[in-house]
Amino acid sequence: MENKQNISIEAMDKLKSELKFLKGPKRRELALRLKEAISFGDLKENAAYHEAKDDQAFLEGRIKELENMIRNHSTFSIEKSDNVTAGSTVVVDCSGSKETFKIVSSIEADPLENKISVDSPIGKILFGKKVGDVFKFESPDGDMVEYKIIEIK
């Protein structure tokens, strides 16, 4: 039995949209570049041809990667819950300063946008917690930081 990872519907839509673009317009663009480069003649010393072939290999690799991601992930809908779950937006208090995290799948994670993977150390600690819960987390520099959950959206 296959064990699929969960991602949000929004993330799945982004994957499918990128795949559609790469298989359609991007492939056609590369085919035209290859055709033009071949028309220049001698392929051994044809930089445009070799660059287009490299781009084609990268494109086909990304298409395979996206197809695998789509095949190996299932979607979940975000439902309101009293507990932190995948898809929750969590507001925490840390020494009087508010921080907001969105709990997402590992492929959606982006620390610069405060999108934290449910599989990350802090994601694992947050998962299942409720408003009012207090937890400690070791920061990357080794300090223990205390957080209190003040809101779950």
N, C-alpha and C. Protein backbone atom coordinates (compact mmCIF):
# COMPACT_ATOMS: atom_id res chain seq x y z
N MET A 1 0.84 -1.18 0.00
CA MET A 1 0.00 0.00 0.00
C MET A 1 0.88 1.24 0.00
N GLU A 2 0.55 2.19 -0.83
CA GLU A 2 1.34 3.39 -0.99
C GLU A 2 1.02 4.40 0.11
N ASN A 3 2.04 5.01 0.70
CA ASN A 3 1.85 5.98 1.76
C ASN A 3 2.06 7.38 1.17
N LYS A 4 0.96 8.05 0.86
CA LYS A 4 1.05 9.37 0.25
C LYS A 4 1.16 10.44 1.32
N GLN A 5 1.96 11.48 1.01
CA GLN A 5 2.05 12.63 1.89
C GLN A 5 0.94 13.60 1.54
N ASN A 6 0.50 14.36 2.53
CA ASN A 6 -0.56 15.33 2.31
C ASN A 6 0.00 16.71 2.02
N ILE A 7 -0.64 17.40 1.08
CA ILE A 7 -0.35 18.80 0.81
C ILE A 7 -1.68 19.52 0.64
N SER A 8 -1.64 20.83 0.75
CA SER A 8 -2.87 21.61 0.61
C SER A 8 -3.34 21.58 -0.84
N ILE A 9 -4.62 21.82 -1.02
CA ILE A 9 -5.19 21.89 -2.36
C ILE A 9 -4.49 22.99 -3.16
N GLU A 10 -4.20 24.11 -2.49
CA GLU A 10 -3.50 25.23 -3.14
C GLU A 10 -2.14 24.80 -3.67
N ALA A 11 -1.39 24.05 -2.87
CA ALA A 11 -0.07 23.58 -3.29
C ALA A 11 -0.18 22.62 -4.46
N MET A 12 -1.16 21.72 -4.42
CA MET A 12 -1.36 20.77 -5.52
C MET A 12 -1.70 21.53 -6.80
N ASP A 13 -2.54 22.55 -6.69
CA ASP A 13 -2.90 23.35 -7.87
C ASP A 13 -1.67 24.02 -8.47
N LYS A 14 -0.76 24.50 -7.61
CA LYS A 14 0.48 25.13 -8.11
C LYS A 14 1.34 24.11 -8.85
N LEU A 15 1.45 22.90 -8.29
CA LEU A 15 2.24 21.86 -8.95
C LEU A 15 1.65 21.53 -10.32
N LYS A 16 0.33 21.36 -10.37
CA LYS A 16 -0.33 21.02 -11.64
C LYS A 16 -0.21 22.14 -12.65
N SER A 17 -0.29 23.37 -12.18
CA SER A 17 -0.16 24.53 -13.08
C SER A 17 1.25 24.60 -13.67
N GLU A 18 2.25 24.41 -12.83
CA GLU A 18 3.63 24.42 -13.32
C GLU A 18 3.85 23.29 -14.32
N LEU A 19 3.33 22.10 -14.02
CA LEU A 19 3.48 20.95 -14.92
C LEU A 19 2.84 21.24 -16.27
N LYS A 20 1.65 21.81 -16.26
CA LYS A 20 0.95 22.13 -17.50
C LYS A 20 1.76 23.13 -18.33
N PHE A 21 2.32 24.14 -17.67
CA PHE A 21 3.14 25.14 -18.36
C PHE A 21 4.38 24.49 -18.97
N LEU A 22 5.06 23.66 -18.20
CA LEU A 22 6.30 23.03 -18.69
C LEU A 22 6.03 22.07 -19.84
N LYS A 23 4.94 21.32 -19.76
CA LYS A 23 4.63 20.35 -20.82
C LYS A 23 4.07 21.02 -22.07
N GLY A 24 3.57 22.23 -21.93
CA GLY A 24 2.98 22.94 -23.06
C GLY A 24 3.91 24.00 -23.62
N PRO A 25 3.70 25.27 -23.22
CA PRO A 25 4.46 26.38 -23.77
C PRO A 25 5.98 26.24 -23.65
N LYS A 26 6.46 25.75 -22.51
CA LYS A 26 7.92 25.66 -22.31
C LYS A 26 8.54 24.62 -23.24
N ARG A 27 7.89 23.46 -23.38
CA ARG A 27 8.40 22.43 -24.30
C ARG A 27 8.41 22.95 -25.73
N ARG A 28 7.34 23.64 -26.13
CA ARG A 28 7.28 24.18 -27.49
C ARG A 28 8.39 25.21 -27.72
N GLU A 29 8.62 26.05 -26.74
CA GLU A 29 9.69 27.05 -26.85
C GLU A 29 11.04 26.37 -27.02
N LEU A 30 11.30 25.33 -26.24
CA LEU A 30 12.57 24.61 -26.35
C LEU A 30 12.69 23.89 -27.69
N ALA A 31 11.60 23.34 -28.19
CA ALA A 31 11.63 22.67 -29.49
C ALA A 31 12.01 23.66 -30.59
N LEU A 32 11.49 24.87 -30.50
CA LEU A 32 11.84 25.90 -31.49
C LEU A 32 13.31 26.30 -31.37
N ARG A 33 13.80 26.43 -30.13
CA ARG A 33 15.21 26.76 -29.93
C ARG A 33 16.11 25.67 -30.49
N LEU A 34 15.75 24.41 -30.25
CA LEU A 34 16.54 23.30 -30.78
C LEU A 34 16.53 23.30 -32.31
N LYS A 35 15.37 23.50 -32.88
CA LYS A 35 15.25 23.51 -34.34
C LYS A 35 16.11 24.62 -34.94
N GLU A 36 16.07 25.79 -34.31
CA GLU A 36 16.87 26.92 -34.80
C GLU A 36 18.36 26.61 -34.65
N ALA A 37 18.76 26.06 -33.50
CA ALA A 37 20.17 25.75 -33.26
C ALA A 37 20.67 24.70 -34.24
N ILE A 38 19.86 23.71 -34.56
CA ILE A 38 20.24 22.67 -35.52
C ILE A 38 20.45 23.27 -36.90
N SER A 39 19.66 24.30 -37.20
CA SER A 39 19.79 24.93 -38.53
C SER A 39 21.13 25.65 -38.70
N PHE A 40 21.83 25.92 -37.60
CA PHE A 40 23.13 26.58 -37.68
C PHE A 40 24.22 25.64 -38.19
N GLY A 41 23.93 24.35 -38.23
CA GLY A 41 24.91 23.40 -38.77
C GLY A 41 25.66 22.66 -37.68
N ASP A 42 26.91 22.32 -37.98
CA ASP A 42 27.80 21.51 -37.15
C ASP A 42 27.42 21.51 -35.66
N LEU A 43 26.88 20.38 -35.21
CA LEU A 43 26.39 20.29 -33.84
C LEU A 43 27.51 20.14 -32.81
N LYS A 44 28.68 19.69 -33.24
CA LYS A 44 29.79 19.51 -32.30
C LYS A 44 30.19 20.82 -31.63
N GLU A 45 30.26 21.88 -32.41
CA GLU A 45 30.73 23.16 -31.89
C GLU A 45 29.61 24.20 -31.88
N ASN A 46 28.39 23.75 -31.71
CA ASN A 46 27.22 24.62 -31.76
C ASN A 46 26.76 24.90 -30.32
N ALA A 47 27.21 26.03 -29.77
CA ALA A 47 26.91 26.37 -28.38
C ALA A 47 25.41 26.51 -28.14
N ALA A 48 24.70 27.09 -29.09
CA ALA A 48 23.24 27.27 -28.94
C ALA A 48 22.55 25.91 -28.84
N TYR A 49 23.01 24.95 -29.63
CA TYR A 49 22.43 23.60 -29.61
C TYR A 49 22.69 22.94 -28.25
N HIS A 50 23.93 23.00 -27.78
CA HIS A 50 24.28 22.36 -26.51
C HIS A 50 23.55 23.01 -25.33
N GLU A 51 23.40 24.32 -25.38
CA GLU A 51 22.67 25.01 -24.32
C GLU A 51 21.19 24.59 -24.33
N ALA A 52 20.61 24.51 -25.51
CA ALA A 52 19.20 24.10 -25.63
C ALA A 52 19.02 22.65 -25.16
N LYS A 53 19.98 21.78 -25.48
CA LYS A 53 19.90 20.38 -25.03
C LYS A 53 20.00 20.29 -23.49
N ASP A 54 20.90 21.10 -22.92
CA ASP A 54 21.01 21.14 -21.45
C ASP A 54 19.70 21.62 -20.83
N ASP A 55 19.12 22.67 -21.41
CA ASP A 55 17.85 23.19 -20.91
C ASP A 55 16.74 22.15 -21.05
N GLN A 56 16.79 21.39 -22.15
CA GLN A 56 15.78 20.35 -22.37
C GLN A 56 15.91 19.26 -21.31
N ALA A 57 17.13 18.87 -21.00
CA ALA A 57 17.35 17.84 -19.97
C ALA A 57 16.84 18.32 -18.61
N PHE A 58 17.12 19.58 -18.30
CA PHE A 58 16.64 20.15 -17.04
C PHE A 58 15.11 20.17 -17.01
N LEU A 59 14.51 20.61 -18.12
CA LEU A 59 13.05 20.68 -18.23
C LEU A 59 12.41 19.30 -18.04
N GLU A 60 12.94 18.31 -18.72
CA GLU A 60 12.37 16.96 -18.62
C GLU A 60 12.54 16.40 -17.21
N GLY A 61 13.66 16.75 -16.57
CA GLY A 61 13.86 16.33 -15.18
C GLY A 61 12.84 16.96 -14.24
N ARG A 62 12.58 18.24 -14.46
CA ARG A 62 11.59 18.94 -13.62
C ARG A 62 10.19 18.37 -13.87
N ILE A 63 9.87 18.06 -15.11
CA ILE A 63 8.56 17.46 -15.42
C ILE A 63 8.40 16.14 -14.69
N LYS A 64 9.43 15.29 -14.72
CA LYS A 64 9.38 14.00 -14.00
C LYS A 64 9.22 14.22 -12.50
N GLU A 65 9.96 15.20 -11.98
CA GLU A 65 9.88 15.51 -10.55
C GLU A 65 8.45 15.94 -10.17
N LEU A 66 7.86 16.83 -10.96
CA LEU A 66 6.50 17.29 -10.69
C LEU A 66 5.49 16.15 -10.79
N GLU A 67 5.64 15.31 -11.82
CA GLU A 67 4.72 14.17 -11.97
C GLU A 67 4.80 13.25 -10.75
N ASN A 68 6.02 13.00 -10.26
CA ASN A 68 6.19 12.17 -9.07
C ASN A 68 5.58 12.82 -7.83
N MET A 69 5.78 14.12 -7.70
CA MET A 69 5.22 14.83 -6.56
C MET A 69 3.69 14.76 -6.58
N ILE A 70 3.10 14.96 -7.74
CA ILE A 70 1.64 14.90 -7.86
C ILE A 70 1.13 13.49 -7.57
N ARG A 71 1.84 12.51 -8.09
CA ARG A 71 1.44 11.11 -7.90
C ARG A 71 1.56 10.68 -6.44
N ASN A 72 2.57 11.19 -5.74
CA ASN A 72 2.87 10.73 -4.39
C ASN A 72 2.30 11.61 -3.28
N HIS A 73 1.46 12.56 -3.64
CA HIS A 73 0.84 13.42 -2.64
C HIS A 73 -0.66 13.42 -2.82
N SER A 74 -1.36 13.53 -1.72
CA SER A 74 -2.80 13.71 -1.77
C SER A 74 -3.11 15.03 -1.08
N THR A 75 -4.29 15.56 -1.35
CA THR A 75 -4.62 16.87 -0.82
C THR A 75 -5.48 16.76 0.43
N PHE A 76 -5.42 17.81 1.21
CA PHE A 76 -6.30 17.92 2.37
C PHE A 76 -6.96 19.28 2.31
N SER A 77 -8.16 19.35 2.84
CA SER A 77 -8.82 20.65 2.92
C SER A 77 -8.57 21.20 4.32
N ILE A 78 -8.45 22.49 4.38
CA ILE A 78 -8.16 23.13 5.66
C ILE A 78 -9.48 23.35 6.39
N GLU A 79 -9.59 22.73 7.54
CA GLU A 79 -10.80 22.86 8.35
C GLU A 79 -10.45 23.52 9.67
N LYS A 80 -11.37 24.30 10.18
CA LYS A 80 -11.15 24.97 11.45
C LYS A 80 -11.06 23.92 12.55
N SER A 81 -10.08 24.09 13.40
CA SER A 81 -9.86 23.14 14.48
C SER A 81 -9.35 23.89 15.70
N ASP A 82 -9.60 23.34 16.86
CA ASP A 82 -9.07 23.92 18.10
C ASP A 82 -7.60 23.54 18.29
N ASN A 83 -7.14 22.55 17.54
CA ASN A 83 -5.76 22.09 17.64
C ASN A 83 -4.99 22.52 16.39
N VAL A 84 -3.68 22.64 16.55
CA VAL A 84 -2.82 22.95 15.41
C VAL A 84 -2.76 21.71 14.52
N THR A 85 -3.08 21.89 13.25
CA THR A 85 -3.02 20.82 12.26
C THR A 85 -2.35 21.37 11.01
N ALA A 86 -2.11 20.51 10.03
CA ALA A 86 -1.58 20.98 8.75
C ALA A 86 -2.59 21.95 8.17
N GLY A 87 -2.10 23.10 7.75
CA GLY A 87 -2.97 24.14 7.20
C GLY A 87 -3.30 25.23 8.20
N SER A 88 -3.04 24.99 9.49
CA SER A 88 -3.33 25.99 10.51
C SER A 88 -2.37 27.17 10.41
N THR A 89 -2.89 28.34 10.75
CA THR A 89 -2.05 29.51 10.96
C THR A 89 -2.03 29.71 12.47
N VAL A 90 -0.83 29.76 13.03
CA VAL A 90 -0.67 29.80 14.48
C VAL A 90 0.02 31.10 14.87
N VAL A 91 -0.60 31.81 15.82
CA VAL A 91 0.01 33.03 16.35
C VAL A 91 0.53 32.67 17.74
N VAL A 92 1.82 32.94 17.94
CA VAL A 92 2.45 32.64 19.23
C VAL A 92 3.04 33.90 19.83
N ASP A 93 3.18 33.88 21.14
CA ASP A 93 3.83 34.97 21.85
C ASP A 93 5.19 34.47 22.33
N CYS A 94 6.19 35.25 22.05
CA CYS A 94 7.55 34.91 22.49
C CYS A 94 8.13 36.15 23.15
N SER A 95 8.16 36.17 24.47
CA SER A 95 8.69 37.30 25.23
C SER A 95 8.03 38.62 24.84
N GLY A 96 6.71 38.60 24.69
CA GLY A 96 5.97 39.81 24.35
C GLY A 96 5.92 40.14 22.88
N SER A 97 6.58 39.37 22.07
CA SER A 97 6.59 39.59 20.62
C SER A 97 5.74 38.52 19.94
N LYS A 98 4.84 38.95 19.05
CA LYS A 98 3.99 38.00 18.34
C LYS A 98 4.67 37.50 17.08
N GLU A 99 4.56 36.21 16.84
CA GLU A 99 5.04 35.60 15.60
C GLU A 99 3.92 34.75 15.04
N THR A 100 3.82 34.72 13.72
CA THR A 100 2.78 33.94 13.05
C THR A 100 3.43 32.91 12.15
N PHE A 101 2.97 31.66 12.26
CA PHE A 101 3.47 30.57 11.44
C PHE A 101 2.29 29.90 10.74
N LYS A 102 2.50 29.50 9.51
CA LYS A 102 1.52 28.66 8.82
C LYS A 102 2.13 27.27 8.76
N ILE A 103 1.37 26.26 9.18
CA ILE A 103 1.85 24.88 9.20
C ILE A 103 1.49 24.24 7.87
N VAL A 104 2.50 23.81 7.13
CA VAL A 104 2.32 23.31 5.77
C VAL A 104 3.08 22.00 5.58
N SER A 105 2.92 21.40 4.40
CA SER A 105 3.68 20.19 4.06
C SER A 105 5.13 20.57 3.78
N SER A 106 5.99 19.57 3.74
CA SER A 106 7.42 19.84 3.53
C SER A 106 7.70 20.50 2.18
N ILE A 107 6.91 20.20 1.14
CA ILE A 107 7.19 20.82 -0.16
C ILE A 107 6.69 22.25 -0.24
N GLU A 108 5.82 22.65 0.70
CA GLU A 108 5.31 24.02 0.72
C GLU A 108 6.13 24.92 1.64
N ALA A 109 6.97 24.33 2.48
CA ALA A 109 7.69 25.08 3.51
C ALA A 109 8.54 26.19 2.90
N ASP A 110 8.50 27.34 3.55
CA ASP A 110 9.30 28.49 3.14
C ASP A 110 9.49 29.37 4.38
N PRO A 111 10.60 29.18 5.09
CA PRO A 111 10.83 29.94 6.32
C PRO A 111 10.78 31.45 6.12
N LEU A 112 11.15 31.94 4.95
CA LEU A 112 11.12 33.38 4.70
C LEU A 112 9.69 33.92 4.71
N GLU A 113 8.72 33.04 4.44
CA GLU A 113 7.31 33.44 4.48
C GLU A 113 6.61 32.88 5.72
N ASN A 114 7.40 32.42 6.69
CA ASN A 114 6.89 31.81 7.92
C ASN A 114 5.98 30.61 7.65
N LYS A 115 6.25 29.89 6.57
CA LYS A 115 5.55 28.63 6.28
C LYS A 115 6.44 27.51 6.79
N ILE A 116 5.99 26.89 7.87
CA ILE A 116 6.78 25.89 8.58
C ILE A 116 6.26 24.49 8.27
N SER A 117 7.17 23.61 7.91
CA SER A 117 6.79 22.22 7.61
C SER A 117 6.28 21.52 8.87
N VAL A 118 5.22 20.76 8.69
CA VAL A 118 4.68 19.95 9.78
C VAL A 118 5.72 18.92 10.23
N ASP A 119 6.70 18.62 9.37
CA ASP A 119 7.75 17.65 9.68
C ASP A 119 8.99 18.29 10.30
N SER A 120 9.03 19.63 10.38
CA SER A 120 10.18 20.31 10.96
C SER A 120 10.13 20.18 12.49
N PRO A 121 11.25 20.43 13.16
CA PRO A 121 11.24 20.31 14.63
C PRO A 121 10.16 21.17 15.30
N ILE A 122 10.02 22.42 14.88
CA ILE A 122 9.00 23.27 15.51
C ILE A 122 7.60 22.86 15.05
N GLY A 123 7.48 22.40 13.82
CA GLY A 123 6.19 21.92 13.32
C GLY A 123 5.70 20.72 14.12
N LYS A 124 6.62 19.82 14.43
CA LYS A 124 6.27 18.63 15.23
C LYS A 124 5.84 19.03 16.64
N ILE A 125 6.50 20.04 17.20
CA ILE A 125 6.14 20.49 18.55
C ILE A 125 4.76 21.16 18.52
N LEU A 126 4.50 21.98 17.51
CA LEU A 126 3.23 22.71 17.42
C LEU A 126 2.04 21.79 17.14
N PHE A 127 2.27 20.74 16.37
CA PHE A 127 1.17 19.88 15.92
C PHE A 127 0.37 19.33 17.11
N GLY A 128 -0.94 19.56 17.09
CA GLY A 128 -1.82 19.06 18.13
C GLY A 128 -2.01 19.99 19.32
N LYS A 129 -1.18 21.04 19.41
CA LYS A 129 -1.29 21.97 20.53
C LYS A 129 -2.57 22.81 20.39
N LYS A 130 -2.98 23.44 21.53
CA LYS A 130 -4.18 24.28 21.58
C LYS A 130 -3.81 25.69 22.04
N VAL A 131 -4.76 26.61 21.87
CA VAL A 131 -4.57 27.97 22.37
C VAL A 131 -4.32 27.90 23.88
N GLY A 132 -3.32 28.64 24.32
CA GLY A 132 -2.95 28.65 25.74
C GLY A 132 -1.80 27.72 26.07
N ASP A 133 -1.53 26.75 25.20
CA ASP A 133 -0.41 25.84 25.44
C ASP A 133 0.92 26.60 25.36
N VAL A 134 1.82 26.21 26.24
CA VAL A 134 3.16 26.79 26.28
C VAL A 134 4.14 25.68 25.92
N PHE A 135 5.13 26.03 25.11
CA PHE A 135 6.15 25.04 24.76
C PHE A 135 7.49 25.74 24.61
N LYS A 136 8.53 24.95 24.75
CA LYS A 136 9.90 25.48 24.59
C LYS A 136 10.50 24.87 23.34
N PHE A 137 11.32 25.69 22.69
CA PHE A 137 11.96 25.26 21.46
C PHE A 137 13.39 25.75 21.47
N GLU A 138 14.30 24.87 21.08
CA GLU A 138 15.71 25.26 21.01
C GLU A 138 15.97 25.95 19.69
N SER A 139 16.38 27.21 19.76
CA SER A 139 16.65 27.98 18.55
C SER A 139 17.93 27.47 17.89
N PRO A 140 18.16 27.85 16.63
CA PRO A 140 19.37 27.40 15.93
C PRO A 140 20.67 27.76 16.64
N ASP A 141 20.65 28.85 17.43
CA ASP A 141 21.88 29.22 18.14
C ASP A 141 22.01 28.53 19.50
N GLY A 142 21.07 27.61 19.81
CA GLY A 142 21.17 26.80 21.02
C GLY A 142 20.39 27.32 22.21
N ASP A 143 19.76 28.49 22.11
CA ASP A 143 18.99 29.04 23.22
C ASP A 143 17.62 28.36 23.29
N MET A 144 17.13 28.13 24.51
CA MET A 144 15.77 27.62 24.71
C MET A 144 14.84 28.83 24.74
N VAL A 145 13.86 28.81 23.85
CA VAL A 145 12.92 29.91 23.73
C VAL A 145 11.53 29.39 24.09
N GLU A 146 10.80 30.16 24.92
CA GLU A 146 9.46 29.74 25.33
C GLU A 146 8.41 30.47 24.49
N TYR A 147 7.45 29.72 24.01
CA TYR A 147 6.36 30.25 23.20
C TYR A 147 5.04 29.91 23.87
N LYS A 148 4.05 30.79 23.67
CA LYS A 148 2.69 30.51 24.11
C LYS A 148 1.78 30.70 22.90
N ILE A 149 0.93 29.71 22.65
CA ILE A 149 0.00 29.81 21.52
C ILE A 149 -1.15 30.72 21.92
N ILE A 150 -1.34 31.81 21.15
CA ILE A 150 -2.40 32.76 21.49
C ILE A 150 -3.56 32.73 20.50
N GLU A 151 -3.34 32.14 19.33
CA GLU A 151 -4.43 32.05 18.35
C GLU A 151 -4.14 30.96 17.33
N ILE A 152 -5.18 30.26 16.93
CA ILE A 152 -5.10 29.27 15.85
C ILE A 152 -6.17 29.63 14.84
N LYS A 153 -5.77 29.86 13.60
CA LYS A 153 -6.73 30.23 12.54
C LYS A 153 -6.82 29.10 11.54
